Amino acid sequence: QEFGIVVFDLNGLKTINDVKGHDAGDEYIIEGSQIICQIFQHSPVYRIGGDEFVAFLRAGDYESRDRLLSNFEKMMEENLLDNKVVISSGLVIYESGSNLKGK
C-alpha cells in the first residue's frame, strides 16, 4: 500500500524565543501545527521535536498530495510576505514494490 510522509520544520522558532520569549514561541508552534492540520485534514499529524512535525499521508490525502503540497507552499509564500508562520517541508513516498522516493 502506498503512503507518504511529510516532514515539517517551523522556521525561525529560536529567534522568536530569543527575541519575544517562550510564550510567543509556544504560540508560533500552535499556529504552525494548526496550519499543518488544516491543510492535511485527513492525515495523522505528529509533533516529533521542538519545531518539527510529520504528517502520514494515506488514502485520499496520499492521492491528493500534489494539490495539498501546492496549497501548503502557496500559503507559506503568502505567510512569508505577511511575516506569519513559515514552515519548510519535505515529502517522501513509498510505493509498493519500490524504494522510498523523496521530493
N, C-alpha and C. Protein backbone atom coordinates (compact mmCIF):
# COMPACT_ATOMS: atom_id res chain seq x y z
N GLN A 1 0.84 -1.19 0.00
CA GLN A 1 0.00 0.00 0.00
C GLN A 1 0.89 1.25 0.00
N GLU A 2 0.57 2.18 -0.89
CA GLU A 2 1.34 3.41 -0.99
C GLU A 2 1.02 4.35 0.18
N PHE A 3 2.01 5.10 0.59
CA PHE A 3 1.81 6.14 1.59
C PHE A 3 2.92 7.17 1.44
N GLY A 4 2.73 8.29 2.08
CA GLY A 4 3.74 9.34 2.07
C GLY A 4 3.91 9.92 3.46
N ILE A 5 5.08 10.44 3.70
CA ILE A 5 5.35 11.11 4.96
C ILE A 5 5.89 12.50 4.62
N VAL A 6 5.26 13.52 5.19
CA VAL A 6 5.73 14.89 5.02
C VAL A 6 6.36 15.31 6.34
N VAL A 7 7.58 15.80 6.26
CA VAL A 7 8.29 16.31 7.43
C VAL A 7 8.25 17.83 7.36
N PHE A 8 7.91 18.46 8.48
CA PHE A 8 7.78 19.91 8.56
C PHE A 8 8.73 20.46 9.62
N ASP A 9 9.26 21.65 9.35
CA ASP A 9 10.13 22.34 10.30
C ASP A 9 9.72 23.81 10.33
N LEU A 10 9.35 24.30 11.49
CA LEU A 10 8.96 25.69 11.63
C LEU A 10 10.19 26.58 11.57
N ASN A 11 10.19 27.53 10.68
CA ASN A 11 11.33 28.43 10.50
C ASN A 11 11.31 29.53 11.56
N GLY A 12 12.48 29.82 12.12
CA GLY A 12 12.64 30.99 12.96
C GLY A 12 12.21 30.85 14.41
N LEU A 13 11.93 29.65 14.88
CA LEU A 13 11.45 29.49 16.26
C LEU A 13 12.48 29.97 17.27
N LYS A 14 13.75 29.65 17.07
CA LYS A 14 14.77 30.06 18.03
C LYS A 14 14.81 31.59 18.15
N THR A 15 14.74 32.28 17.03
CA THR A 15 14.75 33.74 17.06
C THR A 15 13.55 34.29 17.81
N ILE A 16 12.39 33.71 17.55
CA ILE A 16 11.17 34.15 18.25
C ILE A 16 11.33 33.95 19.75
N ASN A 17 11.82 32.77 20.15
CA ASN A 17 12.04 32.50 21.57
C ASN A 17 13.03 33.49 22.18
N ASP A 18 14.11 33.77 21.46
CA ASP A 18 15.15 34.67 21.97
C ASP A 18 14.68 36.12 22.05
N VAL A 19 13.91 36.57 21.07
CA VAL A 19 13.52 37.98 20.99
C VAL A 19 12.21 38.26 21.73
N LYS A 20 11.23 37.38 21.53
CA LYS A 20 9.88 37.64 22.07
C LYS A 20 9.54 36.80 23.29
N GLY A 21 10.34 35.79 23.56
CA GLY A 21 10.08 34.93 24.71
C GLY A 21 9.42 33.62 24.34
N HIS A 22 9.44 32.69 25.30
CA HIS A 22 8.94 31.34 25.04
C HIS A 22 7.41 31.28 24.89
N ASP A 23 6.68 32.20 25.51
CA ASP A 23 5.23 32.22 25.31
C ASP A 23 4.91 32.52 23.84
N ALA A 24 5.63 33.46 23.25
CA ALA A 24 5.45 33.77 21.83
C ALA A 24 5.87 32.57 20.98
N GLY A 25 6.94 31.89 21.39
CA GLY A 25 7.37 30.69 20.68
C GLY A 25 6.33 29.58 20.74
N ASP A 26 5.70 29.43 21.90
CA ASP A 26 4.64 28.43 22.04
C ASP A 26 3.47 28.75 21.11
N GLU A 27 3.12 30.02 21.00
CA GLU A 27 2.04 30.44 20.09
C GLU A 27 2.42 30.16 18.64
N TYR A 28 3.67 30.38 18.31
CA TYR A 28 4.17 30.11 16.96
C TYR A 28 4.03 28.62 16.63
N ILE A 29 4.38 27.78 17.59
CA ILE A 29 4.25 26.33 17.40
C ILE A 29 2.78 25.94 17.22
N ILE A 30 1.91 26.52 18.02
CA ILE A 30 0.47 26.22 17.92
C ILE A 30 -0.06 26.65 16.55
N GLU A 31 0.30 27.85 16.13
CA GLU A 31 -0.15 28.34 14.82
C GLU A 31 0.37 27.44 13.70
N GLY A 32 1.64 27.03 13.80
CA GLY A 32 2.21 26.14 12.79
C GLY A 32 1.49 24.81 12.73
N SER A 33 1.22 24.23 13.88
CA SER A 33 0.52 22.93 13.90
C SER A 33 -0.89 23.07 13.35
N GLN A 34 -1.55 24.19 13.61
CA GLN A 34 -2.89 24.41 13.08
C GLN A 34 -2.87 24.50 11.55
N ILE A 35 -1.86 25.16 11.00
CA ILE A 35 -1.74 25.24 9.54
C ILE A 35 -1.56 23.85 8.94
N ILE A 36 -0.66 23.06 9.52
CA ILE A 36 -0.41 21.72 9.00
C ILE A 36 -1.68 20.88 9.07
N CYS A 37 -2.37 20.93 10.21
CA CYS A 37 -3.59 20.14 10.38
C CYS A 37 -4.71 20.63 9.47
N GLN A 38 -4.74 21.91 9.18
CA GLN A 38 -5.76 22.47 8.28
C GLN A 38 -5.57 21.96 6.85
N ILE A 39 -4.34 21.95 6.38
CA ILE A 39 -4.07 21.50 5.01
C ILE A 39 -4.20 19.99 4.89
N PHE A 40 -3.66 19.26 5.85
CA PHE A 40 -3.65 17.79 5.79
C PHE A 40 -4.70 17.26 6.77
N GLN A 41 -5.96 17.61 6.50
CA GLN A 41 -7.07 17.34 7.41
C GLN A 41 -7.33 15.87 7.66
N HIS A 42 -7.02 15.03 6.70
CA HIS A 42 -7.37 13.61 6.81
C HIS A 42 -6.15 12.74 7.10
N SER A 43 -5.10 13.37 7.60
CA SER A 43 -3.86 12.65 7.89
C SER A 43 -3.50 12.82 9.36
N PRO A 44 -2.99 11.76 9.98
CA PRO A 44 -2.47 11.94 11.33
C PRO A 44 -1.24 12.84 11.29
N VAL A 45 -1.19 13.80 12.20
CA VAL A 45 -0.06 14.73 12.31
C VAL A 45 0.55 14.55 13.70
N TYR A 46 1.87 14.45 13.73
CA TYR A 46 2.57 14.23 14.99
C TYR A 46 3.67 15.28 15.16
N ARG A 47 3.82 15.75 16.37
CA ARG A 47 4.96 16.60 16.69
C ARG A 47 6.09 15.67 17.12
N ILE A 48 7.23 15.78 16.44
CA ILE A 48 8.34 14.86 16.72
C ILE A 48 9.53 15.56 17.36
N GLY A 49 9.44 16.85 17.51
CA GLY A 49 10.53 17.61 18.13
C GLY A 49 10.02 18.98 18.48
N GLY A 50 10.91 19.84 18.93
CA GLY A 50 10.51 21.17 19.34
C GLY A 50 9.75 21.93 18.28
N ASP A 51 10.25 21.92 17.05
CA ASP A 51 9.59 22.64 15.97
C ASP A 51 9.42 21.77 14.74
N GLU A 52 9.40 20.46 14.93
CA GLU A 52 9.28 19.53 13.82
C GLU A 52 8.01 18.69 13.96
N PHE A 53 7.37 18.48 12.81
CA PHE A 53 6.13 17.71 12.74
C PHE A 53 6.22 16.76 11.55
N VAL A 54 5.42 15.71 11.58
CA VAL A 54 5.25 14.84 10.41
C VAL A 54 3.77 14.60 10.20
N ALA A 55 3.40 14.42 8.93
CA ALA A 55 2.05 14.01 8.57
C ALA A 55 2.17 12.71 7.79
N PHE A 56 1.35 11.74 8.15
CA PHE A 56 1.35 10.44 7.50
C PHE A 56 0.22 10.44 6.47
N LEU A 57 0.57 10.53 5.19
CA LEU A 57 -0.43 10.64 4.12
C LEU A 57 -0.82 9.26 3.62
N ARG A 58 -2.10 9.01 3.65
CA ARG A 58 -2.63 7.74 3.13
C ARG A 58 -3.98 8.04 2.48
N ALA A 59 -4.47 7.09 1.75
CA ALA A 59 -5.79 7.18 1.10
C ALA A 59 -5.93 8.51 0.35
N GLY A 60 -6.98 9.27 0.65
CA GLY A 60 -7.28 10.50 -0.09
C GLY A 60 -6.20 11.54 -0.04
N ASP A 61 -5.60 11.75 1.14
CA ASP A 61 -4.52 12.74 1.24
C ASP A 61 -3.29 12.28 0.46
N TYR A 62 -3.05 10.99 0.40
CA TYR A 62 -1.93 10.49 -0.40
C TYR A 62 -2.20 10.75 -1.88
N GLU A 63 -3.42 10.43 -2.31
CA GLU A 63 -3.78 10.62 -3.71
C GLU A 63 -3.79 12.09 -4.10
N SER A 64 -4.09 12.97 -3.17
CA SER A 64 -4.16 14.42 -3.42
C SER A 64 -2.89 15.15 -2.99
N ARG A 65 -1.81 14.43 -2.76
CA ARG A 65 -0.61 15.02 -2.16
C ARG A 65 -0.05 16.18 -2.97
N ASP A 66 -0.07 16.10 -4.29
CA ASP A 66 0.48 17.20 -5.08
C ASP A 66 -0.34 18.48 -4.90
N ARG A 67 -1.65 18.36 -4.90
CA ARG A 67 -2.52 19.52 -4.69
C ARG A 67 -2.36 20.06 -3.28
N LEU A 68 -2.33 19.18 -2.29
CA LEU A 68 -2.19 19.62 -0.90
C LEU A 68 -0.86 20.33 -0.68
N LEU A 69 0.22 19.76 -1.20
CA LEU A 69 1.53 20.39 -1.04
C LEU A 69 1.60 21.72 -1.79
N SER A 70 0.95 21.80 -2.93
CA SER A 70 0.91 23.07 -3.67
C SER A 70 0.16 24.12 -2.86
N ASN A 71 -0.99 23.75 -2.28
CA ASN A 71 -1.74 24.67 -1.43
C ASN A 71 -0.91 25.11 -0.23
N PHE A 72 -0.19 24.16 0.36
CA PHE A 72 0.66 24.46 1.51
C PHE A 72 1.76 25.45 1.12
N GLU A 73 2.43 25.20 -0.01
CA GLU A 73 3.51 26.08 -0.45
C GLU A 73 3.00 27.48 -0.77
N LYS A 74 1.82 27.57 -1.37
CA LYS A 74 1.23 28.90 -1.65
C LYS A 74 0.97 29.64 -0.34
N MET A 75 0.46 28.94 0.65
CA MET A 75 0.21 29.56 1.95
C MET A 75 1.52 30.02 2.57
N MET A 76 2.58 29.22 2.45
CA MET A 76 3.87 29.61 3.02
C MET A 76 4.44 30.84 2.32
N GLU A 77 4.26 30.94 1.00
CA GLU A 77 4.71 32.13 0.27
C GLU A 77 3.98 33.37 0.77
N GLU A 78 2.66 33.25 0.97
CA GLU A 78 1.88 34.37 1.49
C GLU A 78 2.30 34.72 2.92
N ASN A 79 2.50 33.70 3.74
CA ASN A 79 2.91 33.92 5.12
C ASN A 79 4.27 34.61 5.20
N LEU A 80 5.18 34.25 4.31
CA LEU A 80 6.50 34.87 4.29
C LEU A 80 6.37 36.38 4.02
N LEU A 81 5.51 36.74 3.08
CA LEU A 81 5.29 38.15 2.75
C LEU A 81 4.60 38.89 3.88
N ASP A 82 3.75 38.19 4.64
CA ASP A 82 2.96 38.81 5.71
C ASP A 82 3.59 38.66 7.10
N ASN A 83 4.83 38.15 7.16
CA ASN A 83 5.52 37.93 8.43
C ASN A 83 4.73 37.03 9.38
N LYS A 84 4.15 35.98 8.83
CA LYS A 84 3.43 34.99 9.63
C LYS A 84 4.27 33.71 9.71
N VAL A 85 3.71 32.67 10.28
CA VAL A 85 4.42 31.40 10.45
C VAL A 85 4.85 30.85 9.08
N VAL A 86 6.13 30.51 8.99
CA VAL A 86 6.67 29.91 7.77
C VAL A 86 7.23 28.53 8.14
N ILE A 87 6.87 27.55 7.33
CA ILE A 87 7.22 26.16 7.62
C ILE A 87 7.87 25.55 6.38
N SER A 88 9.02 24.94 6.56
CA SER A 88 9.67 24.18 5.49
C SER A 88 9.11 22.76 5.51
N SER A 89 9.11 22.12 4.34
CA SER A 89 8.57 20.76 4.29
C SER A 89 9.31 19.92 3.26
N GLY A 90 9.22 18.62 3.46
CA GLY A 90 9.76 17.66 2.52
C GLY A 90 8.91 16.41 2.52
N LEU A 91 8.73 15.81 1.36
CA LEU A 91 7.87 14.64 1.21
C LEU A 91 8.69 13.44 0.78
N VAL A 92 8.40 12.31 1.38
CA VAL A 92 8.93 11.04 0.92
C VAL A 92 7.73 10.12 0.70
N ILE A 93 7.75 9.37 -0.40
CA ILE A 93 6.64 8.46 -0.69
C ILE A 93 7.14 7.03 -0.79
N TYR A 94 6.25 6.13 -0.44
CA TYR A 94 6.53 4.71 -0.59
C TYR A 94 5.49 4.13 -1.52
N GLU A 95 5.97 3.47 -2.57
CA GLU A 95 5.07 2.78 -3.48
C GLU A 95 5.38 1.30 -3.38
N SER A 96 4.36 0.51 -3.24
CA SER A 96 4.52 -0.94 -3.09
C SER A 96 5.45 -1.48 -4.17
N GLY A 97 6.42 -2.27 -3.74
CA GLY A 97 7.35 -2.89 -4.69
C GLY A 97 8.51 -1.99 -5.08
N SER A 98 8.65 -0.83 -4.45
CA SER A 98 9.74 0.06 -4.80
C SER A 98 10.39 0.61 -3.54
N ASN A 99 11.40 1.39 -3.72
CA ASN A 99 12.07 2.05 -2.61
C ASN A 99 11.38 3.36 -2.30
N LEU A 100 11.75 3.98 -1.18
CA LEU A 100 11.23 5.30 -0.84
C LEU A 100 11.77 6.32 -1.84
N LYS A 101 10.92 7.28 -2.20
CA LYS A 101 11.32 8.33 -3.14
C LYS A 101 11.05 9.68 -2.49
N GLY A 102 12.06 10.52 -2.43
CA GLY A 102 11.90 11.84 -1.80
C GLY A 102 11.66 12.94 -2.80
N LYS A 103 10.98 14.01 -2.32
CA LYS A 103 10.75 15.22 -3.14
C LYS A 103 11.14 16.41 -2.34
